[in-house]
């Protein structure tokens, strides 16, 4: 759709920057870990009608989806593995 095309055009520079820096920073993996650790709270938030938390979780998932789309469309399987095997240096 036209909206998706506009979103991709508006975020391409951020995505390219993340692709370059992520093997050193591990930011994508960190975002995914934080999202997964907070998913347990989603049910409670829905029951308590905590719309702010649900909105934050939705946005995090949306960002993850957008980034993964860029990663998958522009990288080989080996390159993708590098982005998901970040190890913090001592």
PDB file of N, CA and C in Angstrom:
ATOM      1  N   UNK A   1       0.834  -1.184   0.000  1.00  0.00           N
ATOM      2  CA  UNK A   1       0.000   0.000   0.000  1.00  0.00           C
ATOM      3  C   UNK A   1       0.877   1.245   0.000  1.00  0.00           C
ATOM      4  N   UNK A   2       0.258   2.363  -0.246  1.00  0.00           N
ATOM      5  CA  UNK A   2       0.986   3.631  -0.306  1.00  0.00           C
ATOM      6  C   UNK A   2       1.555   4.003   1.055  1.00  0.00           C
ATOM      7  N   UNK A   3       0.809   3.739   2.118  1.00  0.00           N
ATOM      8  CA  UNK A   3       1.292   4.061   3.463  1.00  0.00           C
ATOM      9  C   UNK A   3       2.532   3.249   3.825  1.00  0.00           C
ATOM     10  N   UNK A   4       2.545   1.998   3.458  1.00  0.00           N
ATOM     11  CA  UNK A   4       3.703   1.143   3.734  1.00  0.00           C
ATOM     12  C   UNK A   4       4.928   1.647   2.969  1.00  0.00           C
ATOM     13  N   UNK A   5       4.732   2.058   1.740  1.00  0.00           N
ATOM     14  CA  UNK A   5       5.830   2.589   0.931  1.00  0.00           C
ATOM     15  C   UNK A   5       6.394   3.864   1.563  1.00  0.00           C
ATOM     16  N   UNK A   6       5.519   4.742   2.052  1.00  0.00           N
ATOM     17  CA  UNK A   6       5.962   5.967   2.719  1.00  0.00           C
ATOM     18  C   UNK A   6       6.734   5.656   3.991  1.00  0.00           C
ATOM     19  N   UNK A   7       6.263   4.673   4.747  1.00  0.00           N
ATOM     20  CA  UNK A   7       6.948   4.268   5.976  1.00  0.00           C
ATOM     21  C   UNK A   7       8.341   3.742   5.660  1.00  0.00           C
ATOM     22  N   UNK A   8       8.452   2.888   4.663  1.00  0.00           N
ATOM     23  CA  UNK A   8       9.753   2.340   4.279  1.00  0.00           C
ATOM     24  C   UNK A   8      10.712   3.438   3.840  1.00  0.00           C
ATOM     25  N   UNK A   9      10.224   4.386   3.068  1.00  0.00           N
ATOM     26  CA  UNK A   9      11.073   5.484   2.610  1.00  0.00           C
ATOM     27  C   UNK A   9      11.525   6.370   3.766  1.00  0.00           C
ATOM     28  N   UNK A  10      10.638   6.596   4.729  1.00  0.00           N
ATOM     29  CA  UNK A  10      10.952   7.472   5.857  1.00  0.00           C
ATOM     30  C   UNK A  10      11.925   6.830   6.838  1.00  0.00           C
ATOM     31  N   UNK A  11      11.959   5.510   6.883  1.00  0.00           N
ATOM     32  CA  UNK A  11      12.777   4.824   7.891  1.00  0.00           C
ATOM     33  C   UNK A  11      14.013   4.135   7.326  1.00  0.00           C
ATOM     34  N   UNK A  12      14.244   4.244   6.035  1.00  0.00           N
ATOM     35  CA  UNK A  12      15.348   3.507   5.417  1.00  0.00           C
ATOM     36  C   UNK A  12      16.697   3.899   6.001  1.00  0.00           C
ATOM     37  N   UNK A  13      16.920   5.178   6.289  1.00  0.00           N
ATOM     38  CA  UNK A  13      18.228   5.581   6.817  1.00  0.00           C
ATOM     39  C   UNK A  13      18.450   5.022   8.219  1.00  0.00           C
ATOM     40  N   UNK A  14      17.400   4.988   9.041  1.00  0.00           N
ATOM     41  CA  UNK A  14      17.517   4.420  10.390  1.00  0.00           C
ATOM     42  C   UNK A  14      17.794   2.922  10.296  1.00  0.00           C
ATOM     43  N   UNK A  15      17.091   2.253   9.407  1.00  0.00           N
ATOM     44  CA  UNK A  15      17.288   0.810   9.244  1.00  0.00           C
ATOM     45  C   UNK A  15      18.701   0.490   8.761  1.00  0.00           C
ATOM     46  N   UNK A  16      19.189   1.263   7.804  1.00  0.00           N
ATOM     47  CA  UNK A  16      20.546   1.029   7.299  1.00  0.00           C
ATOM     48  C   UNK A  16      21.581   1.249   8.395  1.00  0.00           C
ATOM     49  N   UNK A  17      21.374   2.270   9.209  1.00  0.00           N
ATOM     50  CA  UNK A  17      22.284   2.532  10.326  1.00  0.00           C
ATOM     51  C   UNK A  17      22.279   1.370  11.312  1.00  0.00           C
ATOM     52  N   UNK A  18      21.101   0.846  11.597  1.00  0.00           N
ATOM     53  CA  UNK A  18      21.005  -0.283  12.519  1.00  0.00           C
ATOM     54  C   UNK A  18      21.680  -1.512  11.932  1.00  0.00           C
ATOM     55  N   UNK A  19      21.498  -1.749  10.643  1.00  0.00           N
ATOM     56  CA  UNK A  19      22.129  -2.891   9.989  1.00  0.00           C
ATOM     57  C   UNK A  19      23.646  -2.802  10.138  1.00  0.00           C
ATOM     58  N   UNK A  20      24.198  -1.614   9.987  1.00  0.00           N
ATOM     59  CA  UNK A  20      25.642  -1.432  10.100  1.00  0.00           C
ATOM     60  C   UNK A  20      26.144  -1.619  11.534  1.00  0.00           C
ATOM     61  N   UNK A  21      25.418  -1.072  12.499  1.00  0.00           N
ATOM     62  CA  UNK A  21      25.902  -1.035  13.880  1.00  0.00           C
ATOM     63  C   UNK A  21      25.465  -2.216  14.739  1.00  0.00           C
ATOM     64  N   UNK A  22      24.414  -2.895  14.352  1.00  0.00           N
ATOM     65  CA  UNK A  22      23.855  -3.951  15.192  1.00  0.00           C
ATOM     66  C   UNK A  22      24.829  -5.087  15.533  1.00  0.00           C
ATOM     67  N   UNK A  23      25.706  -5.521  14.614  1.00  0.00           N
ATOM     68  CA  UNK A  23      26.629  -6.592  15.014  1.00  0.00           C
ATOM     69  C   UNK A  23      27.523  -6.187  16.195  1.00  0.00           C
ATOM     70  N   UNK A  24      27.797  -4.891  16.343  1.00  0.00           N
ATOM     71  CA  UNK A  24      28.609  -4.410  17.472  1.00  0.00           C
ATOM     72  C   UNK A  24      27.775  -4.103  18.706  1.00  0.00           C
ATOM     73  N   UNK A  25      26.538  -3.647  18.496  1.00  0.00           N
ATOM     74  CA  UNK A  25      25.732  -3.171  19.622  1.00  0.00           C
ATOM     75  C   UNK A  25      24.741  -4.202  20.150  1.00  0.00           C
ATOM     76  N   UNK A  26      24.240  -5.058  19.274  1.00  0.00           N
ATOM     77  CA  UNK A  26      23.237  -6.037  19.694  1.00  0.00           C
ATOM     78  C   UNK A  26      21.892  -5.415  20.012  1.00  0.00           C
ATOM     79  N   UNK A  27      21.606  -4.236  19.447  1.00  0.00           N
ATOM     80  CA  UNK A  27      20.370  -3.520  19.774  1.00  0.00           C
ATOM     81  C   UNK A  27      19.101  -4.269  19.378  1.00  0.00           C
ATOM     82  N   UNK A  28      19.102  -4.895  18.218  1.00  0.00           N
ATOM     83  CA  UNK A  28      17.900  -5.620  17.792  1.00  0.00           C
ATOM     84  C   UNK A  28      17.614  -6.770  18.744  1.00  0.00           C
ATOM     85  N   UNK A  29      18.626  -7.533  19.086  1.00  0.00           N
ATOM     86  CA  UNK A  29      18.438  -8.634  20.024  1.00  0.00           C
ATOM     87  C   UNK A  29      17.959  -8.141  21.379  1.00  0.00           C
ATOM     88  N   UNK A  30      18.481  -7.012  21.823  1.00  0.00           N
ATOM     89  CA  UNK A  30      18.054  -6.437  23.101  1.00  0.00           C
ATOM     90  C   UNK A  30      16.586  -6.039  23.055  1.00  0.00           C
ATOM     91  N   UNK A  31      16.179  -5.421  21.952  1.00  0.00           N
ATOM     92  CA  UNK A  31      14.778  -5.028  21.807  1.00  0.00           C
ATOM     93  C   UNK A  31      13.868  -6.252  21.848  1.00  0.00           C
ATOM     94  N   UNK A  32      14.261  -7.304  21.172  1.00  0.00           N
ATOM     95  CA  UNK A  32      13.458  -8.529  21.156  1.00  0.00           C
ATOM     96  C   UNK A  32      13.402  -9.149  22.549  1.00  0.00           C
ATOM     97  N   UNK A  33      14.533  -9.182  23.256  1.00  0.00           N
ATOM     98  CA  UNK A  33      14.557  -9.741  24.609  1.00  0.00           C
ATOM     99  C   UNK A  33      13.665  -8.957  25.562  1.00  0.00           C
ATOM    100  N   UNK A  34      13.733  -7.635  25.482  1.00  0.00           N
ATOM    101  CA  UNK A  34      12.878  -6.801  26.343  1.00  0.00           C
ATOM    102  C   UNK A  34      11.416  -7.041  26.010  1.00  0.00           C
ATOM    103  N   UNK A  35      11.084  -7.081  24.733  1.00  0.00           N
ATOM    104  CA  UNK A  35       9.697  -7.329  24.337  1.00  0.00           C
ATOM    105  C   UNK A  35       9.209  -8.670  24.877  1.00  0.00           C
ATOM    106  N   UNK A  36      10.014  -9.713  24.694  1.00  0.00           N
ATOM    107  CA  UNK A  36       9.606 -11.039  25.160  1.00  0.00           C
ATOM    108  C   UNK A  36       9.471 -11.102  26.676  1.00  0.00           C
ATOM    109  N   UNK A  37      10.352 -10.415  27.386  1.00  0.00           N
ATOM    110  CA  UNK A  37      10.265 -10.439  28.850  1.00  0.00           C
ATOM    111  C   UNK A  37       9.034  -9.697  29.355  1.00  0.00           C
ATOM    112  N   UNK A  38       8.543  -8.750  28.580  1.00  0.00           N
ATOM    113  CA  UNK A  38       7.389  -7.959  29.011  1.00  0.00           C
ATOM    114  C   UNK A  38       6.062  -8.543  28.538  1.00  0.00           C
ATOM    115  N   UNK A  39       6.078  -9.545  27.672  1.00  0.00           N
ATOM    116  CA  UNK A  39       4.828 -10.093  27.157  1.00  0.00           C
ATOM    117  C   UNK A  39       3.986 -10.733  28.250  1.00  0.00           C
ATOM    118  N   UNK A  40       4.625 -11.213  29.308  1.00  0.00           N
ATOM    119  CA  UNK A  40       3.879 -11.815  30.411  1.00  0.00           C
ATOM    120  C   UNK A  40       2.954 -10.797  31.068  1.00  0.00           C
ATOM    121  N   UNK A  41       3.339  -9.533  30.987  1.00  0.00           N
ATOM    122  CA  UNK A  41       2.562  -8.472  31.611  1.00  0.00           C
ATOM    123  C   UNK A  41       1.404  -7.997  30.734  1.00  0.00           C
ATOM    124  N   UNK A  42       1.372  -8.414  29.489  1.00  0.00           N
ATOM    125  CA  UNK A  42       0.328  -7.938  28.583  1.00  0.00           C
ATOM    126  C   UNK A  42      -1.067  -8.355  29.030  1.00  0.00           C
ATOM    127  N   UNK A  43      -1.224  -9.594  29.447  1.00  0.00           N
ATOM    128  CA  UNK A  43      -2.545 -10.069  29.873  1.00  0.00           C
ATOM    129  C   UNK A  43      -3.032  -9.278  31.073  1.00  0.00           C
ATOM    130  N   UNK A  44      -2.149  -9.068  32.034  1.00  0.00           N
ATOM    131  CA  UNK A  44      -2.508  -8.298  33.222  1.00  0.00           C
ATOM    132  C   UNK A  44      -2.866  -6.870  32.829  1.00  0.00           C
ATOM    133  N   UNK A  45      -2.084  -6.293  31.927  1.00  0.00           N
ATOM    134  CA  UNK A  45      -2.343  -4.928  31.477  1.00  0.00           C
ATOM    135  C   UNK A  45      -3.692  -4.823  30.781  1.00  0.00           C
ATOM    136  N   UNK A  46      -4.036  -5.829  30.002  1.00  0.00           N
ATOM    137  CA  UNK A  46      -5.327  -5.825  29.310  1.00  0.00           C
ATOM    138  C   UNK A  46      -6.467  -5.919  30.323  1.00  0.00           C
ATOM    139  N   UNK A  47      -6.297  -6.763  31.330  1.00  0.00           N
ATOM    140  CA  UNK A  47      -7.330  -6.900  32.356  1.00  0.00           C
ATOM    141  C   UNK A  47      -7.500  -5.615  33.167  1.00  0.00           C
ATOM    142  N   UNK A  48      -6.386  -4.911  33.397  1.00  0.00           N
ATOM    143  CA  UNK A  48      -6.414  -3.657  34.167  1.00  0.00           C
ATOM    144  C   UNK A  48      -6.654  -2.452  33.268  1.00  0.00           C
ATOM    145  N   UNK A  49      -6.797  -2.683  31.990  1.00  0.00           N
ATOM    146  CA  UNK A  49      -6.990  -1.639  30.994  1.00  0.00           C
ATOM    147  C   UNK A  49      -5.855  -0.612  31.024  1.00  0.00           C
ATOM    148  N   UNK A  50      -4.635  -1.122  31.147  1.00  0.00           N
ATOM    149  CA  UNK A  50      -3.453  -0.278  31.110  1.00  0.00           C
ATOM    150  C   UNK A  50      -3.089  -0.060  29.638  1.00  0.00           C
ATOM    151  N   UNK A  51      -3.715   0.923  29.048  1.00  0.00           N
ATOM    152  CA  UNK A  51      -3.556   1.141  27.612  1.00  0.00           C
ATOM    153  C   UNK A  51      -2.159   1.621  27.247  1.00  0.00           C
ATOM    154  N   UNK A  52      -1.492   2.312  28.146  1.00  0.00           N
ATOM    155  CA  UNK A  52      -0.145   2.798  27.862  1.00  0.00           C
ATOM    156  C   UNK A  52       0.815   1.626  27.642  1.00  0.00           C
ATOM    157  N   UNK A  53       0.781   0.628  28.512  1.00  0.00           N
ATOM    158  CA  UNK A  53       1.662  -0.526  28.369  1.00  0.00           C
ATOM    159  C   UNK A  53       1.345  -1.296  27.092  1.00  0.00           C
ATOM    160  N   UNK A  54       0.072  -1.470  26.806  1.00  0.00           N
ATOM    161  CA  UNK A  54      -0.331  -2.185  25.590  1.00  0.00           C
ATOM    162  C   UNK A  54       0.135  -1.415  24.359  1.00  0.00           C
ATOM    163  N   UNK A  55       0.021  -0.103  24.373  1.00  0.00           N
ATOM    164  CA  UNK A  55       0.462   0.735  23.275  1.00  0.00           C
ATOM    165  C   UNK A  55       1.974   0.607  23.085  1.00  0.00           C
ATOM    166  N   UNK A  56       2.732   0.602  24.192  1.00  0.00           N
ATOM    167  CA  UNK A  56       4.184   0.459  24.112  1.00  0.00           C
ATOM    168  C   UNK A  56       4.568  -0.907  23.540  1.00  0.00           C
ATOM    169  N   UNK A  57       3.892  -1.951  23.975  1.00  0.00           N
ATOM    170  CA  UNK A  57       4.170  -3.294  23.463  1.00  0.00           C
ATOM    171  C   UNK A  57       3.847  -3.381  21.972  1.00  0.00           C
ATOM    172  N   UNK A  58       2.742  -2.797  21.582  1.00  0.00           N
ATOM    173  CA  UNK A  58       2.350  -2.778  20.168  1.00  0.00           C
ATOM    174  C   UNK A  58       3.419  -2.080  19.335  1.00  0.00           C
ATOM    175  N   UNK A  59       3.883  -0.928  19.800  1.00  0.00           N
ATOM    176  CA  UNK A  59       4.903  -0.182  19.065  1.00  0.00           C
ATOM    177  C   UNK A  59       6.215  -0.952  18.972  1.00  0.00           C
ATOM    178  N   UNK A  60       6.611  -1.603  20.061  1.00  0.00           N
ATOM    179  CA  UNK A  60       7.845  -2.396  20.042  1.00  0.00           C
ATOM    180  C   UNK A  60       7.726  -3.530  19.026  1.00  0.00           C
ATOM    181  N   UNK A  61       6.597  -4.201  19.015  1.00  0.00           N
ATOM    182  CA  UNK A  61       6.393  -5.290  18.065  1.00  0.00           C
ATOM    183  C   UNK A  61       6.377  -4.775  16.631  1.00  0.00           C
ATOM    184  N   UNK A  62       5.778  -3.622  16.420  1.00  0.00           N
ATOM    185  CA  UNK A  62       5.754  -3.015  15.091  1.00  0.00           C
ATOM    186  C   UNK A  62       7.166  -2.684  14.611  1.00  0.00           C
ATOM    187  N   UNK A  63       7.989  -2.121  15.501  1.00  0.00           N
ATOM    188  CA  UNK A  63       9.376  -1.794  15.154  1.00  0.00           C
ATOM    189  C   UNK A  63      10.148  -3.062  14.829  1.00  0.00           C
ATOM    190  N   UNK A  64       9.979  -4.095  15.635  1.00  0.00           N
ATOM    191  CA  UNK A  64      10.659  -5.371  15.392  1.00  0.00           C
ATOM    192  C   UNK A  64      10.260  -5.918  14.021  1.00  0.00           C
ATOM    193  N   UNK A  65       8.992  -5.889  13.704  1.00  0.00           N
ATOM    194  CA  UNK A  65       8.514  -6.398  12.408  1.00  0.00           C
ATOM    195  C   UNK A  65       9.115  -5.613  11.246  1.00  0.00           C
ATOM    196  N   UNK A  66       9.123  -4.288  11.365  1.00  0.00           N
ATOM    197  CA  UNK A  66       9.678  -3.451  10.294  1.00  0.00           C
ATOM    198  C   UNK A  66      11.160  -3.732  10.100  1.00  0.00           C
ATOM    199  N   UNK A  67      11.895  -3.832  11.206  1.00  0.00           N
ATOM    200  CA  UNK A  67      13.334  -4.091  11.104  1.00  0.00           C
ATOM    201  C   UNK A  67      13.615  -5.469  10.536  1.00  0.00           C
ATOM    202  N   UNK A  68      12.866  -6.470  10.971  1.00  0.00           N
ATOM    203  CA  UNK A  68      13.081  -7.816  10.449  1.00  0.00           C
ATOM    204  C   UNK A  68      12.794  -7.882   8.953  1.00  0.00           C
ATOM    205  N   UNK A  69      11.805  -7.136   8.503  1.00  0.00           N
ATOM    206  CA  UNK A  69      11.501  -7.107   7.069  1.00  0.00           C
ATOM    207  C   UNK A  69      12.707  -6.589   6.290  1.00  0.00           C
ATOM    208  N   UNK A  70      13.328  -5.528   6.787  1.00  0.00           N
ATOM    209  CA  UNK A  70      14.507  -4.974   6.128  1.00  0.00           C
ATOM    210  C   UNK A  70      15.660  -5.965   6.189  1.00  0.00           C
ATOM    211  N   UNK A  71      15.893  -6.531   7.362  1.00  0.00           N
ATOM    212  CA  UNK A  71      16.996  -7.480   7.538  1.00  0.00           C
ATOM    213  C   UNK A  71      16.831  -8.665   6.595  1.00  0.00           C
ATOM    214  N   UNK A  72      15.659  -9.247   6.568  1.00  0.00           N
ATOM    215  CA  UNK A  72      15.422 -10.454   5.769  1.00  0.00           C
ATOM    216  C   UNK A  72      15.511 -10.152   4.274  1.00  0.00           C
ATOM    217  N   UNK A  73      15.044  -8.983   3.859  1.00  0.00           N
ATOM    218  CA  UNK A  73      15.057  -8.669   2.427  1.00  0.00           C
ATOM    219  C   UNK A  73      16.447  -8.282   1.920  1.00  0.00           C
ATOM    220  N   UNK A  74      17.347  -7.874   2.818  1.00  0.00           N
ATOM    221  CA  UNK A  74      18.639  -7.374   2.362  1.00  0.00           C
ATOM    222  C   UNK A  74      19.827  -8.241   2.753  1.00  0.00           C
ATOM    223  N   UNK A  75      19.611  -9.323   3.484  1.00  0.00           N
ATOM    224  CA  UNK A  75      20.750 -10.101   3.978  1.00  0.00           C
ATOM    225  C   UNK A  75      20.624 -11.575   3.653  1.00  0.00           C
ATOM    226  N   UNK A  76      21.781 -12.195   3.619  1.00  0.00           N
ATOM    227  CA  UNK A  76      21.806 -13.647   3.469  1.00  0.00           C
ATOM    228  C   UNK A  76      21.548 -14.271   4.838  1.00  0.00           C
ATOM    229  N   UNK A  77      21.339 -15.548   4.835  1.00  0.00           N
ATOM    230  CA  UNK A  77      21.103 -16.267   6.089  1.00  0.00           C
ATOM    231  C   UNK A  77      22.304 -16.155   7.028  1.00  0.00           C
ATOM    232  N   UNK A  78      23.501 -16.207   6.489  1.00  0.00           N
ATOM    233  CA  UNK A  78      24.716 -16.102   7.298  1.00  0.00           C
ATOM    234  C   UNK A  78      24.832 -14.721   7.947  1.00  0.00           C
ATOM    235  N   UNK A  79      24.494 -13.676   7.177  1.00  0.00           N
ATOM    236  CA  UNK A  79      24.534 -12.321   7.725  1.00  0.00           C
ATOM    237  C   UNK A  79      23.494 -12.145   8.825  1.00  0.00           C
ATOM    238  N   UNK A  80      22.321 -12.701   8.619  1.00  0.00           N
ATOM    239  CA  UNK A  80      21.276 -12.630   9.647  1.00  0.00           C
ATOM    240  C   UNK A  80      21.746 -13.281  10.943  1.00  0.00           C
ATOM    241  N   UNK A  81      22.422 -14.396  10.815  1.00  0.00           N
ATOM    242  CA  UNK A  81      22.898 -15.104  11.999  1.00  0.00           C
ATOM    243  C   UNK A  81      23.846 -14.226  12.809  1.00  0.00           C
ATOM    244  N   UNK A  82      24.667 -13.444  12.157  1.00  0.00           N
ATOM    245  CA  UNK A  82      25.582 -12.534  12.851  1.00  0.00           C
ATOM    246  C   UNK A  82      24.801 -11.542  13.715  1.00  0.00           C
ATOM    247  N   UNK A  83      23.684 -11.080  13.194  1.00  0.00           N
ATOM    248  CA  UNK A  83      22.889 -10.088  13.922  1.00  0.00           C
ATOM    249  C   UNK A  83      22.166 -10.683  15.128  1.00  0.00           C
ATOM    250  N   UNK A  84      21.977 -11.981  15.128  1.00  0.00           N
ATOM    251  CA  UNK A  84      21.261 -12.604  16.239  1.00  0.00           C
ATOM    252  C   UNK A  84      22.170 -13.396  17.167  1.00  0.00           C
ATOM    253  N   UNK A  85      23.467 -13.310  16.965  1.00  0.00           N
ATOM    254  CA  UNK A  85      24.399 -14.033  17.829  1.00  0.00           C
ATOM    255  C   UNK A  85      25.356 -13.078  18.523  1.00  0.00           C
ATOM    256  N   UNK A  86      24.886 -11.879  18.797  1.00  0.00           N
ATOM    257  CA  UNK A  86      25.722 -10.877  19.484  1.00  0.00           C
ATOM    258  C   UNK A  86      26.097 -11.378  20.862  1.00  0.00           C
ATOM    259  N   UNK A  87      27.379 -11.240  21.183  1.00  0.00           N
ATOM    260  CA  UNK A  87      27.848 -11.589  22.525  1.00  0.00           C
ATOM    261  C   UNK A  87      28.539 -10.376  23.107  1.00  0.00           C
ATOM    262  N   UNK A  88      28.107 -10.000  24.293  1.00  0.00           N
ATOM    263  CA  UNK A  88      28.697  -8.832  24.949  1.00  0.00           C
ATOM    264  C   UNK A  88      30.164  -9.110  25.271  1.00  0.00           C
ATOM    265  N   UNK A  89      30.993  -8.123  24.968  1.00  0.00           N
ATOM    266  CA  UNK A  89      32.417  -8.281  25.238  1.00  0.00           C
ATOM    267  C   UNK A  89      32.726  -7.914  26.678  1.00  0.00           C
ATOM    268  N   UNK A  90      33.601  -8.675  27.302  1.00  0.00           N
ATOM    269  CA  UNK A  90      33.921  -8.434  28.714  1.00  0.00           C
ATOM    270  C   UNK A  90      34.777  -7.186  28.895  1.00  0.00           C
TER     271      UNK A  90
END
